[in-house]
Amino acid sequence: MAGGWARDGAVSEQIEASISDELARMQARKRPSGDSLIYCAECEEPIPEKRRIALPGVKLCLECQQERDAAFSSRGGINRRGSKDSQLK
């Protein structure tokens, strides 16, 4: 089903490579580990015991973590591997 100069299965290979790249990036993100803090590292409010048990090594209370997650900007959704413009630069 490939067109032009691409060989058969090239599109599937690009999709698989993009998925494996994203999985590797997600797995590389460090999860909290070790002892949990009793008090939040930012606001110094007590961290609920259920949260400390569920996430060993947690450093932030739920409110501070939600604020930090909201401020996180996600990566652009451009597949540079398959973009023709990336080959022209």
PDB file of N, CA and C in Angstrom:
ATOM      1  N   MET A   1       0.808  -1.192   0.000  1.00  0.00           N
ATOM      2  CA  MET A   1       0.000   0.000   0.000  1.00  0.00           C
ATOM      3  C   MET A   1       0.857   1.264   0.000  1.00  0.00           C
ATOM      4  N   ALA A   2       2.159   1.114   0.054  1.00  0.00           N
ATOM      5  CA  ALA A   2       3.024   2.284   0.028  1.00  0.00           C
ATOM      6  C   ALA A   2       2.996   2.901  -1.357  1.00  0.00           C
ATOM      7  N   GLY A   3       3.155   4.208  -1.396  1.00  0.00           N
ATOM      8  CA  GLY A   3       3.128   4.895  -2.673  1.00  0.00           C
ATOM      9  C   GLY A   3       4.448   5.581  -2.941  1.00  0.00           C
ATOM     10  N   GLY A   4       4.673   5.941  -4.166  1.00  0.00           N
ATOM     11  CA  GLY A   4       5.901   6.641  -4.513  1.00  0.00           C
ATOM     12  C   GLY A   4       7.110   5.742  -4.373  1.00  0.00           C
ATOM     13  N   TRP A   5       8.159   6.254  -3.731  1.00  0.00           N
ATOM     14  CA  TRP A   5       9.405   5.514  -3.597  1.00  0.00           C
ATOM     15  C   TRP A   5       9.417   4.646  -2.339  1.00  0.00           C
ATOM     16  N   ALA A   6       8.428   4.764  -1.495  1.00  0.00           N
ATOM     17  CA  ALA A   6       8.399   3.992  -0.250  1.00  0.00           C
ATOM     18  C   ALA A   6       8.085   2.529  -0.531  1.00  0.00           C
ATOM     19  N   ARG A   7       8.695   1.663   0.233  1.00  0.00           N
ATOM     20  CA  ARG A   7       8.434   0.234   0.059  1.00  0.00           C
ATOM     21  C   ARG A   7       7.178  -0.161   0.837  1.00  0.00           C
ATOM     22  N   ASP A   8       6.662  -1.328   0.579  1.00  0.00           N
ATOM     23  CA  ASP A   8       5.480  -1.819   1.280  1.00  0.00           C
ATOM     24  C   ASP A   8       5.775  -1.920   2.775  1.00  0.00           C
ATOM     25  N   GLY A   9       4.833  -1.459   3.592  1.00  0.00           N
ATOM     26  CA  GLY A   9       4.984  -1.534   5.041  1.00  0.00           C
ATOM     27  C   GLY A   9       5.724  -0.362   5.652  1.00  0.00           C
ATOM     28  N   ALA A  10       6.146   0.606   4.847  1.00  0.00           N
ATOM     29  CA  ALA A  10       6.907   1.735   5.373  1.00  0.00           C
ATOM     30  C   ALA A  10       6.070   2.586   6.324  1.00  0.00           C
ATOM     31  N   VAL A  11       4.801   2.772   6.012  1.00  0.00           N
ATOM     32  CA  VAL A  11       3.924   3.571   6.859  1.00  0.00           C
ATOM     33  C   VAL A  11       3.738   2.882   8.204  1.00  0.00           C
ATOM     34  N   SER A  12       3.508   1.571   8.176  1.00  0.00           N
ATOM     35  CA  SER A  12       3.359   0.816   9.422  1.00  0.00           C
ATOM     36  C   SER A  12       4.617   0.899  10.270  1.00  0.00           C
ATOM     37  N   GLU A  13       5.770   0.834   9.630  1.00  0.00           N
ATOM     38  CA  GLU A  13       7.035   0.937  10.365  1.00  0.00           C
ATOM     39  C   GLU A  13       7.180   2.308  11.020  1.00  0.00           C
ATOM     40  N   GLN A  14       6.762   3.363  10.324  1.00  0.00           N
ATOM     41  CA  GLN A  14       6.818   4.701  10.909  1.00  0.00           C
ATOM     42  C   GLN A  14       5.899   4.813  12.109  1.00  0.00           C
ATOM     43  N   ILE A  15       4.712   4.260  12.010  1.00  0.00           N
ATOM     44  CA  ILE A  15       3.764   4.298  13.137  1.00  0.00           C
ATOM     45  C   ILE A  15       4.325   3.529  14.317  1.00  0.00           C
ATOM     46  N   GLU A  16       4.850   2.335  14.073  1.00  0.00           N
ATOM     47  CA  GLU A  16       5.426   1.527  15.144  1.00  0.00           C
ATOM     48  C   GLU A  16       6.615   2.237  15.793  1.00  0.00           C
ATOM     49  N   ALA A  17       7.456   2.892  14.992  1.00  0.00           N
ATOM     50  CA  ALA A  17       8.603   3.614  15.536  1.00  0.00           C
ATOM     51  C   ALA A  17       8.157   4.796  16.393  1.00  0.00           C
ATOM     52  N   SER A  18       7.113   5.499  15.953  1.00  0.00           N
ATOM     53  CA  SER A  18       6.594   6.620  16.736  1.00  0.00           C
ATOM     54  C   SER A  18       6.022   6.143  18.068  1.00  0.00           C
ATOM     55  N   ILE A  19       5.309   5.037  18.045  1.00  0.00           N
ATOM     56  CA  ILE A  19       4.738   4.488  19.269  1.00  0.00           C
ATOM     57  C   ILE A  19       5.835   4.038  20.221  1.00  0.00           C
ATOM     58  N   SER A  20       6.833   3.348  19.713  1.00  0.00           N
ATOM     59  CA  SER A  20       7.909   2.868  20.590  1.00  0.00           C
ATOM     60  C   SER A  20       8.726   4.033  21.146  1.00  0.00           C
ATOM     61  N   ASP A  21       8.921   5.101  20.371  1.00  0.00           N
ATOM     62  CA  ASP A  21       9.611   6.281  20.884  1.00  0.00           C
ATOM     63  C   ASP A  21       8.844   6.911  22.036  1.00  0.00           C
ATOM     64  N   GLU A  22       7.536   7.020  21.887  1.00  0.00           N
ATOM     65  CA  GLU A  22       6.705   7.624  22.933  1.00  0.00           C
ATOM     66  C   GLU A  22       6.659   6.735  24.177  1.00  0.00           C
ATOM     67  N   LEU A  23       6.576   5.427  23.991  1.00  0.00           N
ATOM     68  CA  LEU A  23       6.599   4.518  25.136  1.00  0.00           C
ATOM     69  C   LEU A  23       7.917   4.611  25.895  1.00  0.00           C
ATOM     70  N   ALA A  24       9.023   4.689  25.172  1.00  0.00           N
ATOM     71  CA  ALA A  24      10.324   4.818  25.824  1.00  0.00           C
ATOM     72  C   ALA A  24      10.430   6.127  26.594  1.00  0.00           C
ATOM     73  N   ARG A  25       9.870   7.202  26.033  1.00  0.00           N
ATOM     74  CA  ARG A  25       9.894   8.495  26.721  1.00  0.00           C
ATOM     75  C   ARG A  25       9.067   8.439  27.997  1.00  0.00           C
ATOM     76  N   MET A  26       7.906   7.800  27.929  1.00  0.00           N
ATOM     77  CA  MET A  26       7.048   7.706  29.105  1.00  0.00           C
ATOM     78  C   MET A  26       7.663   6.825  30.185  1.00  0.00           C
ATOM     79  N   GLN A  27       8.318   5.749  29.786  1.00  0.00           N
ATOM     80  CA  GLN A  27       8.937   4.862  30.762  1.00  0.00           C
ATOM     81  C   GLN A  27      10.158   5.499  31.395  1.00  0.00           C
ATOM     82  N   ALA A  28      10.785   6.431  30.698  1.00  0.00           N
ATOM     83  CA  ALA A  28      11.967   7.099  31.233  1.00  0.00           C
ATOM     84  C   ALA A  28      11.618   8.102  32.328  1.00  0.00           C
ATOM     85  N   ARG A  29      10.358   8.543  32.334  1.00  0.00           N
ATOM     86  CA  ARG A  29       9.938   9.469  33.382  1.00  0.00           C
ATOM     87  C   ARG A  29      10.026   8.771  34.727  1.00  0.00           C
ATOM     88  N   LYS A  30      10.630   9.427  35.669  1.00  0.00           N
ATOM     89  CA  LYS A  30      10.823   8.842  36.988  1.00  0.00           C
ATOM     90  C   LYS A  30       9.543   8.935  37.805  1.00  0.00           C
ATOM     91  N   ARG A  31       9.187   7.859  38.422  1.00  0.00           N
ATOM     92  CA  ARG A  31       8.088   7.817  39.374  1.00  0.00           C
ATOM     93  C   ARG A  31       8.678   8.063  40.759  1.00  0.00           C
ATOM     94  N   PRO A  32       7.885   8.645  41.668  1.00  0.00           N
ATOM     95  CA  PRO A  32       8.388   8.820  43.025  1.00  0.00           C
ATOM     96  C   PRO A  32       8.764   7.477  43.633  1.00  0.00           C
ATOM     97  N   SER A  33       9.842   7.463  44.401  1.00  0.00           N
ATOM     98  CA  SER A  33      10.254   6.252  45.092  1.00  0.00           C
ATOM     99  C   SER A  33      10.877   6.642  46.421  1.00  0.00           C
ATOM    100  N   GLY A  34      11.002   5.683  47.296  1.00  0.00           N
ATOM    101  CA  GLY A  34      11.574   5.955  48.608  1.00  0.00           C
ATOM    102  C   GLY A  34      10.482   6.333  49.592  1.00  0.00           C
ATOM    103  N   ASP A  35      10.887   6.990  50.667  1.00  0.00           N
ATOM    104  CA  ASP A  35       9.945   7.373  51.710  1.00  0.00           C
ATOM    105  C   ASP A  35       9.158   8.607  51.301  1.00  0.00           C
ATOM    106  N   SER A  36       7.872   8.568  51.594  1.00  0.00           N
ATOM    107  CA  SER A  36       7.013   9.717  51.328  1.00  0.00           C
ATOM    108  C   SER A  36       7.221  10.771  52.405  1.00  0.00           C
ATOM    109  N   LEU A  37       7.019  12.009  52.022  1.00  0.00           N
ATOM    110  CA  LEU A  37       7.027  13.081  53.008  1.00  0.00           C
ATOM    111  C   LEU A  37       5.689  13.095  53.734  1.00  0.00           C
ATOM    112  N   ILE A  38       5.702  13.517  54.977  1.00  0.00           N
ATOM    113  CA  ILE A  38       4.455  13.650  55.728  1.00  0.00           C
ATOM    114  C   ILE A  38       3.794  14.985  55.393  1.00  0.00           C
ATOM    115  N   TYR A  39       4.624  15.996  55.133  1.00  0.00           N
ATOM    116  CA  TYR A  39       4.118  17.323  54.796  1.00  0.00           C
ATOM    117  C   TYR A  39       4.557  17.686  53.385  1.00  0.00           C
ATOM    118  N   CYS A  40       3.711  18.415  52.683  1.00  0.00           N
ATOM    119  CA  CYS A  40       3.968  18.820  51.302  1.00  0.00           C
ATOM    120  C   CYS A  40       5.242  19.658  51.213  1.00  0.00           C
ATOM    121  N   ALA A  41       6.032  19.427  50.180  1.00  0.00           N
ATOM    122  CA  ALA A  41       7.286  20.150  49.985  1.00  0.00           C
ATOM    123  C   ALA A  41       7.052  21.604  49.587  1.00  0.00           C
ATOM    124  N   GLU A  42       5.870  21.936  49.081  1.00  0.00           N
ATOM    125  CA  GLU A  42       5.598  23.303  48.645  1.00  0.00           C
ATOM    126  C   GLU A  42       4.773  24.103  49.653  1.00  0.00           C
ATOM    127  N   CYS A  43       3.636  23.542  50.066  1.00  0.00           N
ATOM    128  CA  CYS A  43       2.734  24.318  50.928  1.00  0.00           C
ATOM    129  C   CYS A  43       2.813  23.916  52.391  1.00  0.00           C
ATOM    130  N   GLU A  44       3.527  22.848  52.705  1.00  0.00           N
ATOM    131  CA  GLU A  44       3.734  22.339  54.058  1.00  0.00           C
ATOM    132  C   GLU A  44       2.449  21.879  54.739  1.00  0.00           C
ATOM    133  N   GLU A  45       1.415  21.593  53.949  1.00  0.00           N
ATOM    134  CA  GLU A  45       0.187  20.994  54.487  1.00  0.00           C
ATOM    135  C   GLU A  45       0.413  19.487  54.603  1.00  0.00           C
ATOM    136  N   PRO A  46      -0.285  18.817  55.522  1.00  0.00           N
ATOM    137  CA  PRO A  46      -0.115  17.361  55.642  1.00  0.00           C
ATOM    138  C   PRO A  46      -0.587  16.637  54.378  1.00  0.00           C
ATOM    139  N   ILE A  47       0.179  15.635  53.976  1.00  0.00           N
ATOM    140  CA  ILE A  47      -0.203  14.793  52.844  1.00  0.00           C
ATOM    141  C   ILE A  47      -1.044  13.654  53.412  1.00  0.00           C
ATOM    142  N   PRO A  48      -2.245  13.408  52.867  1.00  0.00           N
ATOM    143  CA  PRO A  48      -3.088  12.334  53.395  1.00  0.00           C
ATOM    144  C   PRO A  48      -2.375  10.976  53.359  1.00  0.00           C
ATOM    145  N   GLU A  49      -2.629  10.183  54.385  1.00  0.00           N
ATOM    146  CA  GLU A  49      -1.962   8.885  54.506  1.00  0.00           C
ATOM    147  C   GLU A  49      -2.274   7.972  53.325  1.00  0.00           C
ATOM    148  N   LYS A  50      -3.503   8.001  52.829  1.00  0.00           N
ATOM    149  CA  LYS A  50      -3.867   7.156  51.675  1.00  0.00           C
ATOM    150  C   LYS A  50      -3.031   7.514  50.454  1.00  0.00           C
ATOM    151  N   ARG A  51      -2.748   8.793  50.263  1.00  0.00           N
ATOM    152  CA  ARG A  51      -1.915   9.223  49.132  1.00  0.00           C
ATOM    153  C   ARG A  51      -0.483   8.742  49.320  1.00  0.00           C
ATOM    154  N   ARG A  52       0.032   8.834  50.537  1.00  0.00           N
ATOM    155  CA  ARG A  52       1.402   8.379  50.805  1.00  0.00           C
ATOM    156  C   ARG A  52       1.544   6.881  50.607  1.00  0.00           C
ATOM    157  N   ILE A  53       0.501   6.132  50.929  1.00  0.00           N
ATOM    158  CA  ILE A  53       0.545   4.677  50.739  1.00  0.00           C
ATOM    159  C   ILE A  53       0.432   4.328  49.254  1.00  0.00           C
ATOM    160  N   ALA A  54      -0.452   5.029  48.541  1.00  0.00           N
ATOM    161  CA  ALA A  54      -0.680   4.740  47.121  1.00  0.00           C
ATOM    162  C   ALA A  54       0.528   5.102  46.257  1.00  0.00           C
ATOM    163  N   LEU A  55       1.226   6.183  46.610  1.00  0.00           N
ATOM    164  CA  LEU A  55       2.383   6.642  45.834  1.00  0.00           C
ATOM    165  C   LEU A  55       3.614   6.740  46.738  1.00  0.00           C
ATOM    166  N   PRO A  56       4.333   5.655  46.907  1.00  0.00           N
ATOM    167  CA  PRO A  56       5.539   5.729  47.746  1.00  0.00           C
ATOM    168  C   PRO A  56       6.516   6.761  47.184  1.00  0.00           C
ATOM    169  N   GLY A  57       7.002   7.622  48.040  1.00  0.00           N
ATOM    170  CA  GLY A  57       7.951   8.649  47.628  1.00  0.00           C
ATOM    171  C   GLY A  57       7.306   9.953  47.214  1.00  0.00           C
ATOM    172  N   VAL A  58       6.004  10.101  47.433  1.00  0.00           N
ATOM    173  CA  VAL A  58       5.312  11.326  47.024  1.00  0.00           C
ATOM    174  C   VAL A  58       5.805  12.507  47.862  1.00  0.00           C
ATOM    175  N   LYS A  59       5.963  13.651  47.223  1.00  0.00           N
ATOM    176  CA  LYS A  59       6.493  14.838  47.897  1.00  0.00           C
ATOM    177  C   LYS A  59       5.490  15.982  47.961  1.00  0.00           C
ATOM    178  N   LEU A  60       4.418  15.914  47.165  1.00  0.00           N
ATOM    179  CA  LEU A  60       3.455  17.003  47.080  1.00  0.00           C
ATOM    180  C   LEU A  60       2.063  16.531  47.475  1.00  0.00           C
ATOM    181  N   CYS A  61       1.297  17.446  48.067  1.00  0.00           N
ATOM    182  CA  CYS A  61      -0.102  17.144  48.348  1.00  0.00           C
ATOM    183  C   CYS A  61      -0.876  17.149  47.022  1.00  0.00           C
ATOM    184  N   LEU A  62      -2.114  16.713  47.091  1.00  0.00           N
ATOM    185  CA  LEU A  62      -2.911  16.584  45.870  1.00  0.00           C
ATOM    186  C   LEU A  62      -3.116  17.922  45.174  1.00  0.00           C
ATOM    187  N   GLU A  63      -3.391  18.981  45.940  1.00  0.00           N
ATOM    188  CA  GLU A  63      -3.634  20.299  45.344  1.00  0.00           C
ATOM    189  C   GLU A  63      -2.388  20.829  44.630  1.00  0.00           C
ATOM    190  N   CYS A  64      -1.228  20.726  45.278  1.00  0.00           N
ATOM    191  CA  CYS A  64       0.011  21.211  44.649  1.00  0.00           C
ATOM    192  C   CYS A  64       0.365  20.383  43.421  1.00  0.00           C
ATOM    193  N   GLN A  65       0.121  19.061  43.483  1.00  0.00           N
ATOM    194  CA  GLN A  65       0.395  18.212  42.329  1.00  0.00           C
ATOM    195  C   GLN A  65      -0.514  18.565  41.166  1.00  0.00           C
ATOM    196  N   GLN A  66      -1.792  18.852  41.438  1.00  0.00           N
ATOM    197  CA  GLN A  66      -2.713  19.245  40.379  1.00  0.00           C
ATOM    198  C   GLN A  66      -2.298  20.570  39.747  1.00  0.00           C
ATOM    199  N   GLU A  67      -1.827  21.510  40.550  1.00  0.00           N
ATOM    200  CA  GLU A  67      -1.347  22.787  40.002  1.00  0.00           C
ATOM    201  C   GLU A  67      -0.134  22.567  39.107  1.00  0.00           C
ATOM    202  N   ARG A  68       0.774  21.700  39.547  1.00  0.00           N
ATOM    203  CA  ARG A  68       1.975  21.417  38.757  1.00  0.00           C
ATOM    204  C   ARG A  68       1.612  20.710  37.448  1.00  0.00           C
ATOM    205  N   ASP A  69       0.670  19.768  37.514  1.00  0.00           N
ATOM    206  CA  ASP A  69       0.246  19.061  36.303  1.00  0.00           C
ATOM    207  C   ASP A  69      -0.447  20.000  35.326  1.00  0.00           C
ATOM    208  N   ALA A  70      -1.225  20.945  35.841  1.00  0.00           N
ATOM    209  CA  ALA A  70      -1.923  21.900  34.972  1.00  0.00           C
ATOM    210  C   ALA A  70      -0.942  22.829  34.268  1.00  0.00           C
ATOM    211  N   ALA A  71       0.172  23.131  34.920  1.00  0.00           N
ATOM    212  CA  ALA A  71       1.168  24.021  34.331  1.00  0.00           C
ATOM    213  C   ALA A  71       2.043  23.312  33.305  1.00  0.00           C
ATOM    214  N   PHE A  72       2.014  21.986  33.284  1.00  0.00           N
ATOM    215  CA  PHE A  72       2.837  21.210  32.357  1.00  0.00           C
ATOM    216  C   PHE A  72       2.341  21.408  30.939  1.00  0.00           C
ATOM    217  N   SER A  73       3.241  21.746  30.037  1.00  0.00           N
ATOM    218  CA  SER A  73       2.859  21.902  28.630  1.00  0.00           C
ATOM    219  C   SER A  73       3.260  20.638  27.878  1.00  0.00           C
ATOM    220  N   SER A  74       2.322  20.080  27.161  1.00  0.00           N
ATOM    221  CA  SER A  74       2.591  18.844  26.443  1.00  0.00           C
ATOM    222  C   SER A  74       3.380  19.122  25.169  1.00  0.00           C
ATOM    223  N   ARG A  75       3.986  18.082  24.664  1.00  0.00           N
ATOM    224  CA  ARG A  75       4.754  18.177  23.423  1.00  0.00           C
ATOM    225  C   ARG A  75       3.816  18.361  22.242  1.00  0.00           C
ATOM    226  N   GLY A  76       4.346  18.942  21.197  1.00  0.00           N
ATOM    227  CA  GLY A  76       3.553  19.092  19.981  1.00  0.00           C
ATOM    228  C   GLY A  76       3.271  17.753  19.352  1.00  0.00           C
ATOM    229  N   GLY A  77       2.177  17.642  18.671  1.00  0.00           N
ATOM    230  CA  GLY A  77       1.782  16.381  18.083  1.00  0.00           C
ATOM    231  C   GLY A  77       2.256  16.215  16.656  1.00  0.00           C
ATOM    232  N   ILE A  78       3.447  16.663  16.346  1.00  0.00           N
ATOM    233  CA  ILE A  78       3.951  16.579  14.983  1.00  0.00           C
ATOM    234  C   ILE A  78       4.834  15.347  14.859  1.00  0.00           C
ATOM    235  N   ASN A  79       4.566  14.543  13.889  1.00  0.00           N
ATOM    236  CA  ASN A  79       5.382  13.376  13.615  1.00  0.00           C
ATOM    237  C   ASN A  79       6.521  13.817  12.692  1.00  0.00           C
ATOM    238  N   ARG A  80       7.653  14.166  13.289  1.00  0.00           N
ATOM    239  CA  ARG A  80       8.771  14.682  12.487  1.00  0.00           C
ATOM    240  C   ARG A  80       9.354  13.611  11.577  1.00  0.00           C
ATOM    241  N   ARG A  81       9.185  12.371  11.934  1.00  0.00           N
ATOM    242  CA  ARG A  81       9.754  11.302  11.129  1.00  0.00           C
ATOM    243  C   ARG A  81       9.051  11.210   9.773  1.00  0.00           C
ATOM    244  N   GLY A  82       7.751  11.530   9.731  1.00  0.00           N
ATOM    245  CA  GLY A  82       7.014  11.400   8.488  1.00  0.00           C
ATOM    246  C   GLY A  82       6.702  12.720   7.807  1.00  0.00           C
ATOM    247  N   SER A  83       7.208  13.828   8.351  1.00  0.00           N
ATOM    248  CA  SER A  83       6.895  15.139   7.807  1.00  0.00           C
ATOM    249  C   SER A  83       7.806  15.464   6.616  1.00  0.00           C
ATOM    250  N   LYS A  84       7.216  15.815   5.510  1.00  0.00           N
ATOM    251  CA  LYS A  84       8.014  16.153   4.337  1.00  0.00           C
ATOM    252  C   LYS A  84       8.779  17.471   4.561  1.00  0.00           C
ATOM    253  N   ASP A  85       8.188  18.383   5.343  1.00  0.00           N
ATOM    254  CA  ASP A  85       8.867  19.652   5.607  1.00  0.00           C
ATOM    255  C   ASP A  85      10.172  19.442   6.359  1.00  0.00           C
ATOM    256  N   SER A  86      10.224  18.438   7.235  1.00  0.00           N
ATOM    257  CA  SER A  86      11.448  18.214   8.005  1.00  0.00           C
ATOM    258  C   SER A  86      12.590  17.759   7.100  1.00  0.00           C
ATOM    259  N   GLN A  87      12.276  17.167   5.959  1.00  0.00           N
ATOM    260  CA  GLN A  87      13.305  16.734   5.038  1.00  0.00           C
ATOM    261  C   GLN A  87      13.848  17.877   4.189  1.00  0.00           C
ATOM    262  N   LEU A  88      13.106  18.980   4.116  1.00  0.00           N
ATOM    263  CA  LEU A  88      13.518  20.102   3.282  1.00  0.00           C
ATOM    264  C   LEU A  88      14.459  21.054   4.016  1.00  0.00           C
ATOM    265  N   LYS A  89      14.512  20.972   5.335  1.00  0.00           N
ATOM    266  CA  LYS A  89      15.332  21.913   6.102  1.00  0.00           C
ATOM    267  C   LYS A  89      16.767  21.524   6.164  1.00  0.00           C
TER     268      LYS A  89
END
